[in-house]
Amino acid sequence: MEHITVGRKYNEGKVAFVECIKNGSLDDINIKDKCFLLIILTKGKLEFKVGGEKVIANAPSFLCFDESENPVLISKSKARYACIYFHPKFLNINMTFELLRSKKYGDIATTHDMFMLKPFTQKAYAIPIAETQVEKIEQSADYMLEELTEQRDFYWSCRGRSYFMEIIIALERMYGLIGYGLTHQKSDNAPIINNPKLRDAVLYIESHYGDSMTLSDISTNAGINHTTLTALMKEELGSTAIEYLMQYRITIAKKQLAFTDVPIKDVANMVGFKTVQHFNRIFKEITGTTPAEFRKSSVQKRKDEIK
């Protein structure tokens, strides 16, 4: 079975190399040499055997399988989940399994501020999801399924990809939780967050960046007062909580602009800006360029450098 979605009324015949299924059968999974499989487990428990290893996941968690093996379901207990079958080229048309594992990929990913699929290629298999992330991830999966199923306009594939990118970004963040619940590694070059209250504040920001948010919201949900939160943010991250929120929103927006054709006004709304004008101003303050200019240069770089 080929896991793809084909355009109907809009972009008729267009192939998106992805299929999203909620609570479908996990028997006879056939992804070897074909695609990756991401399972978002929000309730219950799943147990698989893959590559001679037993993989046990308790909700909430991600299950990440690459194309090298077919995972075999051993048991399923009161499980609720969404399955996303995808080829890496759904995220970037130039991407192949070989490139993902090549030395060249690291340079390309850095150049394009592109998320990595390390949880899959490094066979992490089961990755816990922080409770603060669950609602956002589940919502993104629902929106993704809706876009791929309803295909309400010519942007159905791009919008589906944009929601999937939100999920992959959350997965990447969770993969960076070293000693789950103890530290938070933002990226390869970013400092580790050691204070658990600050970690909770950062996870809250990263889970709700699309919503209206105040310093009070962040401190309340992290269980810490304003003054202490501000001091910790400055000490460990070199920014205030609101500055971190704006920087994170722009980080997400850059990925959306670089890898989808979703209209800029939709990207602005997705990352929490009420107006395009405000989005444009903050984007230029942080990056030195406008969203439109950034999108144009990112697309050209990808054409020039990924052959």
C-alpha atoms as a PDB file:
ATOM      1  CA  MET A   1       0.000   0.000   0.000  1.00  0.00           C
ATOM      2  CA  GLU A   2       1.330   3.441  -0.965  1.00  0.00           C
ATOM      3  CA  HIS A   3       0.797   6.094   1.678  1.00  0.00           C
ATOM      4  CA  ILE A   4      -0.032   9.189  -0.344  1.00  0.00           C
ATOM      5  CA  THR A   5      -2.814  11.764  -0.664  1.00  0.00           C
ATOM      6  CA  VAL A   6      -4.017  12.724  -4.147  1.00  0.00           C
ATOM      7  CA  GLY A   7      -5.635  16.010  -5.119  1.00  0.00           C
ATOM      8  CA  ARG A   8      -9.248  15.935  -6.216  1.00  0.00           C
ATOM      9  CA  LYS A   9     -11.131  19.149  -7.015  1.00  0.00           C
ATOM     10  CA  TYR A  10      -8.176  21.461  -6.299  1.00  0.00           C
ATOM     11  CA  ASN A  11      -4.801  20.542  -7.790  1.00  0.00           C
ATOM     12  CA  GLU A  12      -6.413  17.454  -9.292  1.00  0.00           C
ATOM     13  CA  GLY A  13      -3.914  14.627  -9.528  1.00  0.00           C
ATOM     14  CA  LYS A  14      -1.330  16.369  -7.306  1.00  0.00           C
ATOM     15  CA  VAL A  15       0.433  13.830  -5.094  1.00  0.00           C
ATOM     16  CA  ALA A  16       1.332  14.671  -1.506  1.00  0.00           C
ATOM     17  CA  PHE A  17       3.640  12.011  -0.105  1.00  0.00           C
ATOM     18  CA  VAL A  18       1.755  11.690   3.168  1.00  0.00           C
ATOM     19  CA  GLU A  19      -1.230   9.927   4.672  1.00  0.00           C
ATOM     20  CA  CYS A  20      -2.828  10.758   8.011  1.00  0.00           C
ATOM     21  CA  ILE A  21      -5.029   8.165   9.752  1.00  0.00           C
ATOM     22  CA  LYS A  22      -6.669   8.331  13.195  1.00  0.00           C
ATOM     23  CA  ASN A  23      -6.948   5.153  15.260  1.00  0.00           C
ATOM     24  CA  GLY A  24      -6.404   2.939  12.219  1.00  0.00           C
ATOM     25  CA  SER A  25      -5.173  -0.648  12.184  1.00  0.00           C
ATOM     26  CA  LEU A  26      -1.546  -1.128  13.190  1.00  0.00           C
ATOM     27  CA  ASP A  27      -1.419  -4.710  11.942  1.00  0.00           C
ATOM     28  CA  ASP A  28       0.858  -5.518   9.005  1.00  0.00           C
ATOM     29  CA  ILE A  29       2.608  -2.142   8.854  1.00  0.00           C
ATOM     30  CA  ASN A  30       4.506  -2.008   5.572  1.00  0.00           C
ATOM     31  CA  ILE A  31       6.885   0.955   5.466  1.00  0.00           C
ATOM     32  CA  LYS A  32      10.217  -0.746   4.708  1.00  0.00           C
ATOM     33  CA  ASP A  33      12.011   1.123   1.920  1.00  0.00           C
ATOM     34  CA  LYS A  34       8.883   3.257   1.417  1.00  0.00           C
ATOM     35  CA  CYS A  35       8.258   5.874   4.082  1.00  0.00           C
ATOM     36  CA  PHE A  36       8.527   6.944   7.702  1.00  0.00           C
ATOM     37  CA  LEU A  37       5.788   6.465  10.274  1.00  0.00           C
ATOM     38  CA  LEU A  38       5.053   8.873  13.123  1.00  0.00           C
ATOM     39  CA  ILE A  39       2.501   7.744  15.693  1.00  0.00           C
ATOM     40  CA  ILE A  40       1.129  10.331  18.121  1.00  0.00           C
ATOM     41  CA  LEU A  41      -0.124   8.359  21.109  1.00  0.00           C
ATOM     42  CA  THR A  42      -2.422  10.434  23.320  1.00  0.00           C
ATOM     43  CA  LYS A  43      -4.111   7.688  25.368  1.00  0.00           C
ATOM     44  CA  GLY A  44      -3.226   4.166  26.477  1.00  0.00           C
ATOM     45  CA  LYS A  45      -0.237   2.026  25.574  1.00  0.00           C
ATOM     46  CA  LEU A  46       1.364   0.534  22.458  1.00  0.00           C
ATOM     47  CA  GLU A  47       4.064  -2.114  22.221  1.00  0.00           C
ATOM     48  CA  PHE A  48       6.030  -2.974  19.081  1.00  0.00           C
ATOM     49  CA  LYS A  49       8.938  -5.107  18.005  1.00  0.00           C
ATOM     50  CA  VAL A  50      11.305  -3.479  15.532  1.00  0.00           C
ATOM     51  CA  GLY A  51      14.760  -4.569  14.464  1.00  0.00           C
ATOM     52  CA  GLY A  52      14.850  -7.188  17.194  1.00  0.00           C
ATOM     53  CA  GLU A  53      14.106  -4.552  19.844  1.00  0.00           C
ATOM     54  CA  LYS A  54      10.957  -4.228  21.937  1.00  0.00           C
ATOM     55  CA  VAL A  55       9.527  -0.705  21.936  1.00  0.00           C
ATOM     56  CA  ILE A  56       6.992   0.241  24.608  1.00  0.00           C
ATOM     57  CA  ALA A  57       5.202   3.591  24.572  1.00  0.00           C
ATOM     58  CA  ASN A  58       2.844   4.950  27.215  1.00  0.00           C
ATOM     59  CA  ALA A  59       0.755   8.001  26.399  1.00  0.00           C
ATOM     60  CA  PRO A  60       1.442  10.752  25.785  1.00  0.00           C
ATOM     61  CA  SER A  61       4.320   9.976  23.461  1.00  0.00           C
ATOM     62  CA  PHE A  62       5.639   9.907  19.921  1.00  0.00           C
ATOM     63  CA  LEU A  63       6.622   6.698  18.163  1.00  0.00           C
ATOM     64  CA  CYS A  64       9.123   7.229  15.335  1.00  0.00           C
ATOM     65  CA  PHE A  65       9.900   4.554  12.753  1.00  0.00           C
ATOM     66  CA  ASP A  66      12.098   5.026   9.687  1.00  0.00           C
ATOM     67  CA  GLU A  67      12.032   3.103   6.426  1.00  0.00           C
ATOM     68  CA  SER A  68      14.659   0.519   7.414  1.00  0.00           C
ATOM     69  CA  GLU A  69      12.309  -1.899   9.220  1.00  0.00           C
ATOM     70  CA  ASN A  70       8.635  -2.819   9.460  1.00  0.00           C
ATOM     71  CA  PRO A  71       7.502  -2.415  13.100  1.00  0.00           C
ATOM     72  CA  VAL A  72       5.365  -5.303  14.334  1.00  0.00           C
ATOM     73  CA  LEU A  73       2.554  -4.583  16.791  1.00  0.00           C
ATOM     74  CA  ILE A  74       2.754  -6.775  19.908  1.00  0.00           C
ATOM     75  CA  SER A  75      -0.005  -5.259  22.012  1.00  0.00           C
ATOM     76  CA  LYS A  76      -2.409  -2.329  22.177  1.00  0.00           C
ATOM     77  CA  SER A  77      -4.130  -1.240  25.385  1.00  0.00           C
ATOM     78  CA  LYS A  78      -6.858   1.438  25.404  1.00  0.00           C
ATOM     79  CA  ALA A  79      -4.836   3.336  22.828  1.00  0.00           C
ATOM     80  CA  ARG A  80      -5.871   6.515  21.057  1.00  0.00           C
ATOM     81  CA  TYR A  81      -3.490   7.727  18.394  1.00  0.00           C
ATOM     82  CA  ALA A  82      -2.911   9.325  15.017  1.00  0.00           C
ATOM     83  CA  CYS A  83      -0.648   7.767  12.398  1.00  0.00           C
ATOM     84  CA  ILE A  84       1.225   9.923   9.914  1.00  0.00           C
ATOM     85  CA  TYR A  85       2.910   8.013   7.112  1.00  0.00           C
ATOM     86  CA  PHE A  86       5.241  10.288   5.159  1.00  0.00           C
ATOM     87  CA  HIS A  87       8.184  10.391   2.825  1.00  0.00           C
ATOM     88  CA  PRO A  88      10.813  13.037   3.711  1.00  0.00           C
ATOM     89  CA  LYS A  89      10.126  14.730   0.373  1.00  0.00           C
ATOM     90  CA  PHE A  90       6.729  15.753   1.728  1.00  0.00           C
ATOM     91  CA  LEU A  91       8.692  18.243   3.813  1.00  0.00           C
ATOM     92  CA  ASN A  92      11.240  19.073   1.111  1.00  0.00           C
ATOM     93  CA  ILE A  93      10.771  17.804  -2.426  1.00  0.00           C
ATOM     94  CA  ASN A  94      14.550  17.360  -2.805  1.00  0.00           C
ATOM     95  CA  MET A  95      14.871  15.125   0.247  1.00  0.00           C
ATOM     96  CA  THR A  96      15.770  11.449  -0.120  1.00  0.00           C
ATOM     97  CA  PHE A  97      16.526   8.737   2.422  1.00  0.00           C
ATOM     98  CA  GLU A  98      20.147   8.767   1.256  1.00  0.00           C
ATOM     99  CA  LEU A  99      20.525  12.533   1.688  1.00  0.00           C
ATOM    100  CA  LEU A 100      19.069  12.395   5.202  1.00  0.00           C
ATOM    101  CA  ARG A 101      21.932  10.120   6.223  1.00  0.00           C
ATOM    102  CA  SER A 102      24.696  11.857   4.316  1.00  0.00           C
ATOM    103  CA  LYS A 103      27.255  14.327   5.639  1.00  0.00           C
ATOM    104  CA  LYS A 104      25.874  16.855   3.187  1.00  0.00           C
ATOM    105  CA  TYR A 105      22.494  16.902   4.949  1.00  0.00           C
ATOM    106  CA  GLY A 106      23.876  18.534   8.083  1.00  0.00           C
ATOM    107  CA  ASP A 107      25.239  21.460   6.079  1.00  0.00           C
ATOM    108  CA  ILE A 108      21.976  21.841   4.165  1.00  0.00           C
ATOM    109  CA  ALA A 109      19.889  21.737   7.335  1.00  0.00           C
ATOM    110  CA  THR A 110      22.027  24.432   8.942  1.00  0.00           C
ATOM    111  CA  THR A 111      21.975  26.634   5.858  1.00  0.00           C
ATOM    112  CA  HIS A 112      18.210  26.511   5.564  1.00  0.00           C
ATOM    113  CA  ASP A 113      17.317  26.595   9.282  1.00  0.00           C
ATOM    114  CA  MET A 114      15.701  23.248   8.554  1.00  0.00           C
ATOM    115  CA  PHE A 115      14.482  20.865  11.210  1.00  0.00           C
ATOM    116  CA  MET A 116      16.226  17.505  11.378  1.00  0.00           C
ATOM    117  CA  LEU A 117      14.569  14.101  11.357  1.00  0.00           C
ATOM    118  CA  LYS A 118      17.056  12.723  13.879  1.00  0.00           C
ATOM    119  CA  PRO A 119      14.420  10.936  16.010  1.00  0.00           C
ATOM    120  CA  PHE A 120      13.781   8.735  12.965  1.00  0.00           C
ATOM    121  CA  THR A 121      17.275   8.284  11.542  1.00  0.00           C
ATOM    122  CA  GLN A 122      18.803   7.789  15.004  1.00  0.00           C
ATOM    123  CA  LYS A 123      16.102   5.256  15.897  1.00  0.00           C
ATOM    124  CA  ALA A 124      14.884   6.971  19.035  1.00  0.00           C
ATOM    125  CA  TYR A 125      11.573   5.074  18.621  1.00  0.00           C
ATOM    126  CA  ALA A 126       9.582   6.218  21.687  1.00  0.00           C
ATOM    127  CA  ILE A 127       9.768   9.821  22.895  1.00  0.00           C
ATOM    128  CA  PRO A 128       7.564  11.123  25.735  1.00  0.00           C
ATOM    129  CA  ILE A 129       5.517  14.262  25.128  1.00  0.00           C
ATOM    130  CA  ALA A 130       5.341  16.916  27.833  1.00  0.00           C
ATOM    131  CA  GLU A 131       1.788  17.336  29.117  1.00  0.00           C
ATOM    132  CA  THR A 132       1.820  20.996  28.130  1.00  0.00           C
ATOM    133  CA  GLN A 133       2.478  19.986  24.512  1.00  0.00           C
ATOM    134  CA  VAL A 134      -0.251  17.363  24.099  1.00  0.00           C
ATOM    135  CA  GLU A 135      -3.199  19.627  23.263  1.00  0.00           C
ATOM    136  CA  LYS A 136      -1.243  21.615  20.660  1.00  0.00           C
ATOM    137  CA  ILE A 137       0.149  18.485  18.977  1.00  0.00           C
ATOM    138  CA  GLU A 138      -3.226  16.745  18.918  1.00  0.00           C
ATOM    139  CA  GLN A 139      -4.837  19.878  17.476  1.00  0.00           C
ATOM    140  CA  SER A 140      -2.181  20.139  14.757  1.00  0.00           C
ATOM    141  CA  ALA A 141      -2.749  16.492  13.810  1.00  0.00           C
ATOM    142  CA  ASP A 142      -6.507  17.073  13.597  1.00  0.00           C
ATOM    143  CA  TYR A 143      -6.030  20.166  11.411  1.00  0.00           C
ATOM    144  CA  MET A 144      -3.588  18.297   9.210  1.00  0.00           C
ATOM    145  CA  LEU A 145      -6.037  15.432   8.687  1.00  0.00           C
ATOM    146  CA  GLU A 146      -8.800  17.926   7.910  1.00  0.00           C
ATOM    147  CA  GLU A 147      -6.711  19.727   5.271  1.00  0.00           C
ATOM    148  CA  LEU A 148      -5.670  16.494   3.563  1.00  0.00           C
ATOM    149  CA  THR A 149      -9.213  15.110   3.677  1.00  0.00           C
ATOM    150  CA  GLU A 150     -11.345  18.151   2.854  1.00  0.00           C
ATOM    151  CA  GLN A 151      -8.937  19.773   0.362  1.00  0.00           C
ATOM    152  CA  ARG A 152     -10.925  23.021   0.616  1.00  0.00           C
ATOM    153  CA  ASP A 153      -8.664  25.093  -1.673  1.00  0.00           C
ATOM    154  CA  PHE A 154      -5.469  25.043  -3.727  1.00  0.00           C
ATOM    155  CA  TYR A 155      -3.361  25.314  -0.561  1.00  0.00           C
ATOM    156  CA  TRP A 156      -4.535  22.006   0.944  1.00  0.00           C
ATOM    157  CA  SER A 157      -1.151  20.320   0.574  1.00  0.00           C
ATOM    158  CA  CYS A 158       0.802  23.330   1.867  1.00  0.00           C
ATOM    159  CA  ARG A 159      -1.503  23.744   4.837  1.00  0.00           C
ATOM    160  CA  GLY A 160      -1.258  20.047   5.607  1.00  0.00           C
ATOM    161  CA  ARG A 161       2.532  20.367   5.490  1.00  0.00           C
ATOM    162  CA  SER A 162       2.477  23.447   7.709  1.00  0.00           C
ATOM    163  CA  TYR A 163       0.576  21.604  10.451  1.00  0.00           C
ATOM    164  CA  PHE A 164       2.891  18.625  10.097  1.00  0.00           C
ATOM    165  CA  MET A 165       5.863  20.932  10.514  1.00  0.00           C
ATOM    166  CA  GLU A 166       4.395  22.134  13.815  1.00  0.00           C
ATOM    167  CA  ILE A 167       4.291  18.508  14.945  1.00  0.00           C
ATOM    168  CA  ILE A 168       7.840  17.796  13.765  1.00  0.00           C
ATOM    169  CA  ILE A 169       9.117  20.902  15.537  1.00  0.00           C
ATOM    170  CA  ALA A 170       7.462  19.732  18.772  1.00  0.00           C
ATOM    171  CA  LEU A 171       8.981  16.281  18.248  1.00  0.00           C
ATOM    172  CA  GLU A 172      12.411  17.818  17.796  1.00  0.00           C
ATOM    173  CA  ARG A 173      11.963  19.768  21.040  1.00  0.00           C
ATOM    174  CA  MET A 174      10.920  16.654  22.959  1.00  0.00           C
ATOM    175  CA  TYR A 175      13.838  14.720  21.501  1.00  0.00           C
ATOM    176  CA  GLY A 176      16.059  17.392  23.022  1.00  0.00           C
ATOM    177  CA  LEU A 177      14.767  16.705  26.519  1.00  0.00           C
ATOM    178  CA  ILE A 178      17.795  14.997  27.959  1.00  0.00           C
ATOM    179  CA  GLY A 179      16.852  12.887  30.976  1.00  0.00           C
ATOM    180  CA  TYR A 180      13.169  13.701  30.397  1.00  0.00           C
ATOM    181  CA  GLY A 181      11.854  16.168  32.955  1.00  0.00           C
ATOM    182  CA  LEU A 182      15.306  17.335  34.011  1.00  0.00           C
ATOM    183  CA  THR A 183      16.821  19.479  31.277  1.00  0.00           C
ATOM    184  CA  HIS A 184      15.765  21.073  28.033  1.00  0.00           C
ATOM    185  CA  GLN A 185      18.092  21.309  25.053  1.00  0.00           C
ATOM    186  CA  LYS A 186      16.726  23.823  22.563  1.00  0.00           C
ATOM    187  CA  SER A 187      19.089  22.980  19.716  1.00  0.00           C
ATOM    188  CA  ASP A 188      22.594  21.783  19.020  1.00  0.00           C
ATOM    189  CA  ASN A 189      24.035  25.219  19.755  1.00  0.00           C
ATOM    190  CA  ALA A 190      21.648  26.440  22.452  1.00  0.00           C
ATOM    191  CA  PRO A 191      22.208  26.242  26.205  1.00  0.00           C
ATOM    192  CA  ILE A 192      20.590  23.558  28.328  1.00  0.00           C
ATOM    193  CA  ILE A 193      17.855  24.788  30.652  1.00  0.00           C
ATOM    194  CA  ASN A 194      18.591  23.403  34.089  1.00  0.00           C
ATOM    195  CA  ASN A 195      15.925  25.037  36.243  1.00  0.00           C
ATOM    196  CA  PRO A 196      12.720  22.925  36.144  1.00  0.00           C
ATOM    197  CA  LYS A 197      10.435  25.964  36.583  1.00  0.00           C
ATOM    198  CA  LEU A 198      12.147  27.750  33.712  1.00  0.00           C
ATOM    199  CA  ARG A 199      11.847  24.583  31.629  1.00  0.00           C
ATOM    200  CA  ASP A 200       8.096  24.576  32.330  1.00  0.00           C
ATOM    201  CA  ALA A 201       7.850  28.227  31.299  1.00  0.00           C
ATOM    202  CA  VAL A 202       9.692  27.578  28.041  1.00  0.00           C
ATOM    203  CA  LEU A 203       7.559  24.533  27.254  1.00  0.00           C
ATOM    204  CA  TYR A 204       4.440  26.576  27.914  1.00  0.00           C
ATOM    205  CA  ILE A 205       5.633  29.252  25.492  1.00  0.00           C
ATOM    206  CA  GLU A 206       6.513  26.662  22.850  1.00  0.00           C
ATOM    207  CA  SER A 207       3.130  24.960  23.269  1.00  0.00           C
ATOM    208  CA  HIS A 208       1.010  28.110  23.075  1.00  0.00           C
ATOM    209  CA  TYR A 209       2.985  30.454  20.829  1.00  0.00           C
ATOM    210  CA  GLY A 210      -0.017  30.772  18.496  1.00  0.00           C
ATOM    211  CA  ASP A 211      -2.218  32.145  21.282  1.00  0.00           C
ATOM    212  CA  SER A 212      -2.391  35.579  22.906  1.00  0.00           C
ATOM    213  CA  MET A 213      -0.008  35.400  25.840  1.00  0.00           C
ATOM    214  CA  THR A 214       1.117  37.681  28.673  1.00  0.00           C
ATOM    215  CA  LEU A 215       3.940  37.441  31.182  1.00  0.00           C
ATOM    216  CA  SER A 216       1.283  36.625  33.786  1.00  0.00           C
ATOM    217  CA  ASP A 217       0.058  33.655  31.712  1.00  0.00           C
ATOM    218  CA  ILE A 218       3.584  32.274  31.434  1.00  0.00           C
ATOM    219  CA  SER A 219       4.507  32.717  35.094  1.00  0.00           C
ATOM    220  CA  THR A 220       1.181  31.313  36.333  1.00  0.00           C
ATOM    221  CA  ASN A 221       1.442  28.182  34.208  1.00  0.00           C
ATOM    222  CA  ALA A 222       5.060  27.654  35.245  1.00  0.00           C
ATOM    223  CA  GLY A 223       4.181  28.135  38.927  1.00  0.00           C
ATOM    224  CA  ILE A 224       6.679  30.944  39.395  1.00  0.00           C
ATOM    225  CA  ASN A 225       6.384  34.681  40.109  1.00  0.00           C
ATOM    226  CA  HIS A 226       7.106  37.370  37.511  1.00  0.00           C
ATOM    227  CA  THR A 227      10.301  38.613  39.095  1.00  0.00           C
ATOM    228  CA  THR A 228      11.912  35.202  39.486  1.00  0.00           C
ATOM    229  CA  LEU A 229      10.891  34.157  35.969  1.00  0.00           C
ATOM    230  CA  THR A 230      12.413  37.277  34.462  1.00  0.00           C
ATOM    231  CA  ALA A 231      15.646  36.771  36.408  1.00  0.00           C
ATOM    232  CA  LEU A 232      15.905  33.108  35.331  1.00  0.00           C
ATOM    233  CA  MET A 233      15.160  33.953  31.698  1.00  0.00           C
ATOM    234  CA  LYS A 234      17.864  36.608  31.677  1.00  0.00           C
ATOM    235  CA  GLU A 235      20.374  34.364  33.450  1.00  0.00           C
ATOM    236  CA  GLU A 236      19.921  31.197  31.367  1.00  0.00           C
ATOM    237  CA  LEU A 237      18.564  32.448  28.043  1.00  0.00           C
ATOM    238  CA  GLY A 238      19.632  36.070  27.877  1.00  0.00           C
ATOM    239  CA  SER A 239      16.135  37.367  27.143  1.00  0.00           C
ATOM    240  CA  THR A 240      12.831  38.160  28.805  1.00  0.00           C
ATOM    241  CA  ALA A 241       9.922  35.737  28.511  1.00  0.00           C
ATOM    242  CA  ILE A 242       8.137  37.937  25.964  1.00  0.00           C
ATOM    243  CA  GLU A 243      11.330  38.368  23.931  1.00  0.00           C
ATOM    244  CA  TYR A 244      11.728  34.584  23.906  1.00  0.00           C
ATOM    245  CA  LEU A 245       8.094  34.234  22.776  1.00  0.00           C
ATOM    246  CA  MET A 246       8.638  36.641  19.867  1.00  0.00           C
ATOM    247  CA  GLN A 247      11.899  34.945  18.871  1.00  0.00           C
ATOM    248  CA  TYR A 248      10.253  31.542  18.968  1.00  0.00           C
ATOM    249  CA  ARG A 249       7.296  32.738  16.894  1.00  0.00           C
ATOM    250  CA  ILE A 250       9.704  34.039  14.252  1.00  0.00           C
ATOM    251  CA  THR A 251      11.673  30.776  14.325  1.00  0.00           C
ATOM    252  CA  ILE A 252       8.497  28.853  13.516  1.00  0.00           C
ATOM    253  CA  ALA A 253       7.460  31.422  10.912  1.00  0.00           C
ATOM    254  CA  LYS A 254      10.817  31.097   9.138  1.00  0.00           C
ATOM    255  CA  LYS A 255      10.299  27.367   8.717  1.00  0.00           C
ATOM    256  CA  GLN A 256       6.772  27.896   7.409  1.00  0.00           C
ATOM    257  CA  LEU A 257       7.921  30.549   4.949  1.00  0.00           C
ATOM    258  CA  ALA A 258      10.859  28.499   3.718  1.00  0.00           C
ATOM    259  CA  PHE A 259       9.048  25.207   3.185  1.00  0.00           C
ATOM    260  CA  THR A 260       5.420  26.035   2.370  1.00  0.00           C
ATOM    261  CA  ASP A 261       3.511  28.371   0.057  1.00  0.00           C
ATOM    262  CA  VAL A 262       0.938  29.196   2.723  1.00  0.00           C
ATOM    263  CA  PRO A 263       0.030  32.915   2.394  1.00  0.00           C
ATOM    264  CA  ILE A 264       2.013  35.229   4.659  1.00  0.00           C
ATOM    265  CA  LYS A 265      -1.140  36.449   6.402  1.00  0.00           C
ATOM    266  CA  ASP A 266      -1.941  32.824   7.339  1.00  0.00           C
ATOM    267  CA  VAL A 267       1.605  32.272   8.634  1.00  0.00           C
ATOM    268  CA  ALA A 268       1.281  35.438  10.735  1.00  0.00           C
ATOM    269  CA  ASN A 269      -1.969  34.221  12.239  1.00  0.00           C
ATOM    270  CA  MET A 270      -0.587  30.724  12.819  1.00  0.00           C
ATOM    271  CA  VAL A 271       2.298  32.019  14.936  1.00  0.00           C
ATOM    272  CA  GLY A 272       0.186  34.373  17.027  1.00  0.00           C
ATOM    273  CA  PHE A 273       0.210  37.770  15.319  1.00  0.00           C
ATOM    274  CA  LYS A 274      -3.153  39.511  14.975  1.00  0.00           C
ATOM    275  CA  THR A 275      -2.080  41.637  12.009  1.00  0.00           C
ATOM    276  CA  VAL A 276       0.304  41.161   9.095  1.00  0.00           C
ATOM    277  CA  GLN A 277       1.740  44.598   9.803  1.00  0.00           C
ATOM    278  CA  HIS A 278       2.803  43.604  13.338  1.00  0.00           C
ATOM    279  CA  PHE A 279       4.215  40.329  12.027  1.00  0.00           C
ATOM    280  CA  ASN A 280       6.218  42.122   9.317  1.00  0.00           C
ATOM    281  CA  ARG A 281       7.630  44.601  11.833  1.00  0.00           C
ATOM    282  CA  ILE A 282       8.730  42.000  14.396  1.00  0.00           C
ATOM    283  CA  PHE A 283      10.053  39.678  11.682  1.00  0.00           C
ATOM    284  CA  LYS A 284      12.250  42.431  10.250  1.00  0.00           C
ATOM    285  CA  GLU A 285      13.437  43.535  13.711  1.00  0.00           C
ATOM    286  CA  ILE A 286      14.632  40.006  14.467  1.00  0.00           C
ATOM    287  CA  THR A 287      15.873  38.829  11.062  1.00  0.00           C
ATOM    288  CA  GLY A 288      16.754  42.056   9.253  1.00  0.00           C
ATOM    289  CA  THR A 289      14.501  41.183   6.324  1.00  0.00           C
ATOM    290  CA  THR A 290      10.796  41.008   5.538  1.00  0.00           C
ATOM    291  CA  PRO A 291       8.828  37.742   5.447  1.00  0.00           C
ATOM    292  CA  ALA A 292       8.382  38.050   1.676  1.00  0.00           C
ATOM    293  CA  GLU A 293      12.100  38.654   1.110  1.00  0.00           C
ATOM    294  CA  PHE A 294      13.014  35.781   3.426  1.00  0.00           C
ATOM    295  CA  ARG A 295      10.680  33.389   1.576  1.00  0.00           C
ATOM    296  CA  LYS A 296      12.060  34.372  -1.816  1.00  0.00           C
ATOM    297  CA  SER A 297      15.712  33.958  -0.768  1.00  0.00           C
ATOM    298  CA  SER A 298      15.055  30.664   1.043  1.00  0.00           C
ATOM    299  CA  VAL A 299      13.379  29.123  -1.987  1.00  0.00           C
ATOM    300  CA  GLN A 300      16.215  30.284  -4.238  1.00  0.00           C
ATOM    301  CA  LYS A 301      18.867  28.878  -1.885  1.00  0.00           C
ATOM    302  CA  ARG A 302      17.130  25.532  -1.868  1.00  0.00           C
ATOM    303  CA  LYS A 303      17.056  25.503  -5.669  1.00  0.00           C
ATOM    304  CA  ASP A 304      20.723  26.502  -5.888  1.00  0.00           C
ATOM    305  CA  GLU A 305      22.202  24.297  -3.174  1.00  0.00           C
ATOM    306  CA  ILE A 306      20.123  21.109  -3.083  1.00  0.00           C
ATOM    307  CA  LYS A 307      20.755  19.309  -6.341  1.00  0.00           C
END
